[in-house]
N, C-alpha and C. Protein backbone atom coordinates (compact mmCIF):
# COMPACT_ATOMS: atom_id res chain seq x y z
N MET A 1 3.23 -4.13 11.71
CA MET A 1 1.90 -4.45 11.47
C MET A 1 1.65 -5.96 11.46
N ARG A 2 0.69 -6.42 12.12
CA ARG A 2 0.48 -7.84 12.25
C ARG A 2 -0.25 -8.50 11.02
N TYR A 3 -0.98 -7.72 10.35
CA TYR A 3 -1.73 -8.24 9.13
C TYR A 3 -0.85 -8.49 7.97
N ARG A 4 -1.19 -9.46 7.15
CA ARG A 4 -0.49 -9.70 5.94
C ARG A 4 -1.26 -9.29 4.69
N THR A 5 -2.56 -9.07 4.93
CA THR A 5 -3.48 -8.59 3.90
C THR A 5 -4.26 -7.51 4.56
N ARG A 6 -4.57 -6.41 3.83
CA ARG A 6 -5.36 -5.31 4.32
C ARG A 6 -6.17 -4.73 3.19
N SER A 7 -7.39 -4.43 3.38
CA SER A 7 -8.24 -3.73 2.43
C SER A 7 -8.71 -2.43 2.91
N LEU A 8 -8.62 -1.45 1.99
CA LEU A 8 -9.07 -0.09 2.33
C LEU A 8 -9.94 0.47 1.24
N ALA A 9 -10.84 1.38 1.62
CA ALA A 9 -11.61 2.14 0.67
C ALA A 9 -10.96 3.51 0.54
N TRP A 10 -10.80 3.96 -0.67
CA TRP A 10 -10.19 5.23 -0.99
C TRP A 10 -11.01 5.92 -2.14
N HIS A 11 -11.64 7.07 -1.80
CA HIS A 11 -12.48 7.72 -2.81
C HIS A 11 -13.56 6.78 -3.44
N GLY A 12 -14.12 5.94 -2.58
CA GLY A 12 -15.18 5.07 -2.95
C GLY A 12 -14.76 3.78 -3.70
N GLN A 13 -13.44 3.60 -3.80
CA GLN A 13 -12.92 2.32 -4.47
C GLN A 13 -12.19 1.45 -3.44
N ALA A 14 -12.31 0.17 -3.69
CA ALA A 14 -11.71 -0.76 -2.73
C ALA A 14 -10.29 -1.12 -3.30
N PHE A 15 -9.28 -1.11 -2.34
CA PHE A 15 -7.94 -1.47 -2.69
C PHE A 15 -7.53 -2.52 -1.69
N ARG A 16 -6.66 -3.40 -2.22
CA ARG A 16 -6.19 -4.50 -1.38
C ARG A 16 -4.57 -4.44 -1.32
N PHE A 17 -4.09 -4.59 -0.19
CA PHE A 17 -2.65 -4.57 0.06
C PHE A 17 -2.29 -5.88 0.60
N ASP A 18 -1.35 -6.62 -0.09
CA ASP A 18 -0.88 -7.96 0.29
C ASP A 18 0.56 -7.94 0.51
N GLN A 19 1.05 -8.35 1.65
CA GLN A 19 2.49 -8.36 2.00
C GLN A 19 3.18 -9.35 1.05
N ILE A 20 4.21 -9.00 0.43
CA ILE A 20 5.09 -9.84 -0.38
C ILE A 20 6.20 -10.43 0.48
N LYS A 21 6.31 -11.74 0.46
CA LYS A 21 7.41 -12.37 1.21
C LYS A 21 8.72 -12.33 0.45
N LEU A 22 9.63 -11.55 0.95
CA LEU A 22 10.95 -11.39 0.28
C LEU A 22 12.04 -11.91 1.27
N PRO A 23 13.22 -12.17 0.78
CA PRO A 23 14.26 -12.52 1.67
C PRO A 23 14.49 -11.40 2.65
N PRO A 24 15.06 -11.68 3.85
CA PRO A 24 15.38 -10.65 4.82
C PRO A 24 16.17 -9.47 4.15
N GLN A 25 15.74 -8.27 4.48
CA GLN A 25 16.40 -7.09 3.92
C GLN A 25 17.26 -6.42 4.94
N ARG A 26 18.13 -5.62 4.49
CA ARG A 26 18.96 -4.86 5.44
C ARG A 26 18.19 -3.92 6.30
N PHE A 27 17.16 -3.30 5.72
CA PHE A 27 16.25 -2.44 6.47
C PHE A 27 14.97 -3.18 6.76
N GLN A 28 14.29 -2.77 7.77
CA GLN A 28 13.10 -3.51 8.23
C GLN A 28 11.83 -3.06 7.51
N ASP A 29 11.88 -2.76 6.22
CA ASP A 29 10.71 -2.44 5.42
C ASP A 29 10.08 -3.72 4.84
N CYS A 30 8.75 -3.63 4.76
CA CYS A 30 8.06 -4.73 4.04
C CYS A 30 7.54 -4.21 2.74
N THR A 31 7.40 -5.05 1.81
CA THR A 31 6.89 -4.68 0.48
C THR A 31 5.47 -5.17 0.34
N TRP A 32 4.54 -4.33 -0.11
CA TRP A 32 3.16 -4.79 -0.31
C TRP A 32 2.74 -4.62 -1.71
N ALA A 33 2.07 -5.62 -2.23
CA ALA A 33 1.44 -5.56 -3.58
C ALA A 33 0.10 -4.86 -3.46
N VAL A 34 -0.16 -3.90 -4.25
CA VAL A 34 -1.45 -3.10 -4.24
C VAL A 34 -2.28 -3.48 -5.47
N SER A 35 -3.49 -3.83 -5.25
CA SER A 35 -4.45 -4.14 -6.34
C SER A 35 -5.79 -3.45 -6.17
N ARG A 36 -6.44 -3.27 -7.32
CA ARG A 36 -7.78 -2.70 -7.28
C ARG A 36 -8.58 -3.62 -8.25
N GLN A 37 -9.71 -4.18 -7.77
CA GLN A 37 -10.57 -5.04 -8.52
C GLN A 37 -9.76 -6.18 -9.17
N GLY A 38 -8.80 -6.71 -8.40
CA GLY A 38 -7.94 -7.86 -8.85
C GLY A 38 -6.85 -7.52 -9.75
N GLU A 39 -6.64 -6.22 -10.11
CA GLU A 39 -5.62 -5.75 -11.03
C GLU A 39 -4.49 -5.18 -10.17
N PHE A 40 -3.25 -5.67 -10.41
CA PHE A 40 -2.05 -5.17 -9.75
C PHE A 40 -1.84 -3.71 -10.25
N ILE A 41 -1.64 -2.84 -9.31
CA ILE A 41 -1.34 -1.45 -9.65
C ILE A 41 0.00 -0.90 -9.16
N GLY A 42 0.67 -1.65 -8.27
CA GLY A 42 2.00 -1.19 -7.86
C GLY A 42 2.42 -1.83 -6.52
N THR A 43 3.60 -1.42 -5.99
CA THR A 43 4.07 -1.94 -4.78
C THR A 43 4.34 -0.75 -3.90
N MET A 44 4.16 -0.96 -2.58
CA MET A 44 4.41 0.06 -1.61
C MET A 44 5.34 -0.56 -0.52
N ASN A 45 6.36 0.25 -0.06
CA ASN A 45 7.21 -0.17 0.98
C ASN A 45 6.76 0.50 2.27
N CYS A 46 6.87 -0.21 3.37
CA CYS A 46 6.36 0.38 4.60
C CYS A 46 7.09 -0.38 5.78
N ALA A 47 7.49 0.40 6.81
CA ALA A 47 8.13 -0.25 8.04
C ALA A 47 7.25 -1.24 8.57
N GLU A 48 7.80 -2.36 8.99
CA GLU A 48 7.06 -3.50 9.54
C GLU A 48 6.51 -3.18 10.92
N GLU A 49 7.16 -2.39 11.76
CA GLU A 49 6.72 -2.27 13.11
C GLU A 49 5.72 -1.20 13.36
N ILE A 50 5.01 -0.61 12.26
CA ILE A 50 4.05 0.45 12.51
C ILE A 50 2.71 -0.13 12.94
N THR A 51 1.85 0.70 13.52
CA THR A 51 0.55 0.25 13.95
C THR A 51 -0.40 0.13 12.74
N THR A 52 -1.54 -0.52 12.96
CA THR A 52 -2.53 -0.68 11.91
C THR A 52 -3.01 0.78 11.43
N SER A 53 -3.21 1.63 12.42
CA SER A 53 -3.68 3.00 12.04
C SER A 53 -2.65 3.77 11.22
N GLU A 54 -1.38 3.64 11.60
CA GLU A 54 -0.31 4.24 10.87
C GLU A 54 -0.23 3.60 9.43
N PHE A 55 -0.37 2.33 9.33
CA PHE A 55 -0.34 1.65 8.09
C PHE A 55 -1.42 2.16 7.15
N ASP A 56 -2.68 2.27 7.71
CA ASP A 56 -3.79 2.81 6.90
C ASP A 56 -3.48 4.24 6.40
N HIS A 57 -2.87 5.05 7.27
CA HIS A 57 -2.49 6.43 6.87
C HIS A 57 -1.49 6.35 5.73
N ARG A 58 -0.52 5.46 5.88
CA ARG A 58 0.56 5.36 4.85
C ARG A 58 -0.11 4.91 3.52
N CYS A 59 -1.03 3.96 3.55
CA CYS A 59 -1.78 3.49 2.36
C CYS A 59 -2.45 4.66 1.67
N ASN A 60 -3.17 5.49 2.50
CA ASN A 60 -3.89 6.60 1.90
C ASN A 60 -2.93 7.63 1.30
N GLN A 61 -1.80 7.81 1.88
CA GLN A 61 -0.78 8.75 1.30
C GLN A 61 -0.26 8.18 0.00
N TRP A 62 0.03 6.89 -0.07
CA TRP A 62 0.58 6.24 -1.24
C TRP A 62 -0.45 6.33 -2.39
N LEU A 63 -1.75 6.04 -2.05
CA LEU A 63 -2.78 6.16 -3.13
C LEU A 63 -2.87 7.54 -3.56
N ALA A 64 -2.89 8.52 -2.75
CA ALA A 64 -2.98 10.01 -3.11
C ALA A 64 -1.87 10.38 -4.05
N GLU A 65 -0.66 9.91 -3.66
CA GLU A 65 0.49 10.24 -4.48
C GLU A 65 0.44 9.58 -5.84
N LEU A 66 0.02 8.30 -5.91
CA LEU A 66 -0.11 7.55 -7.16
C LEU A 66 -1.12 8.21 -8.06
N PHE A 67 -2.26 8.61 -7.66
CA PHE A 67 -3.30 9.13 -8.43
C PHE A 67 -3.03 10.62 -8.77
N GLN A 68 -2.32 11.37 -7.88
CA GLN A 68 -1.91 12.70 -8.14
C GLN A 68 -0.96 12.79 -9.41
N GLU A 69 -0.06 11.81 -9.41
CA GLU A 69 0.87 11.65 -10.53
C GLU A 69 0.17 11.28 -11.89
N ALA A 70 -0.93 10.57 -11.74
CA ALA A 70 -1.67 10.08 -12.95
C ALA A 70 -2.58 11.15 -13.49
N LYS A 71 -2.82 12.27 -12.88
CA LYS A 71 -3.71 13.26 -13.31
C LYS A 71 -3.08 13.99 -14.50
N PRO A 72 -3.81 14.17 -15.57
CA PRO A 72 -3.29 14.91 -16.75
C PRO A 72 -3.07 16.45 -16.40
N THR A 73 -2.10 17.04 -16.83
CA THR A 73 -1.92 18.45 -16.59
C THR A 73 -2.34 19.26 -17.72
N ALA A 74 -2.87 20.41 -17.49
CA ALA A 74 -3.39 21.30 -18.58
C ALA A 74 -2.23 22.13 -19.22
């Protein structure tokens, strides 16, 4: 993915993904800092060579998994 910053809307909320510059890794994954309204909420790993569309899909999956885990169970 050629962008180093990407913003997405998910369920009406804006999320920002900023690539974190780390030393070269053994695998070609990039690490992204994820924030909402300026507050850091986590990191996401993603392959560097994916398309923008694939990246957006990965971001949506990551957010769905994060908020699914945060739901209280009855």
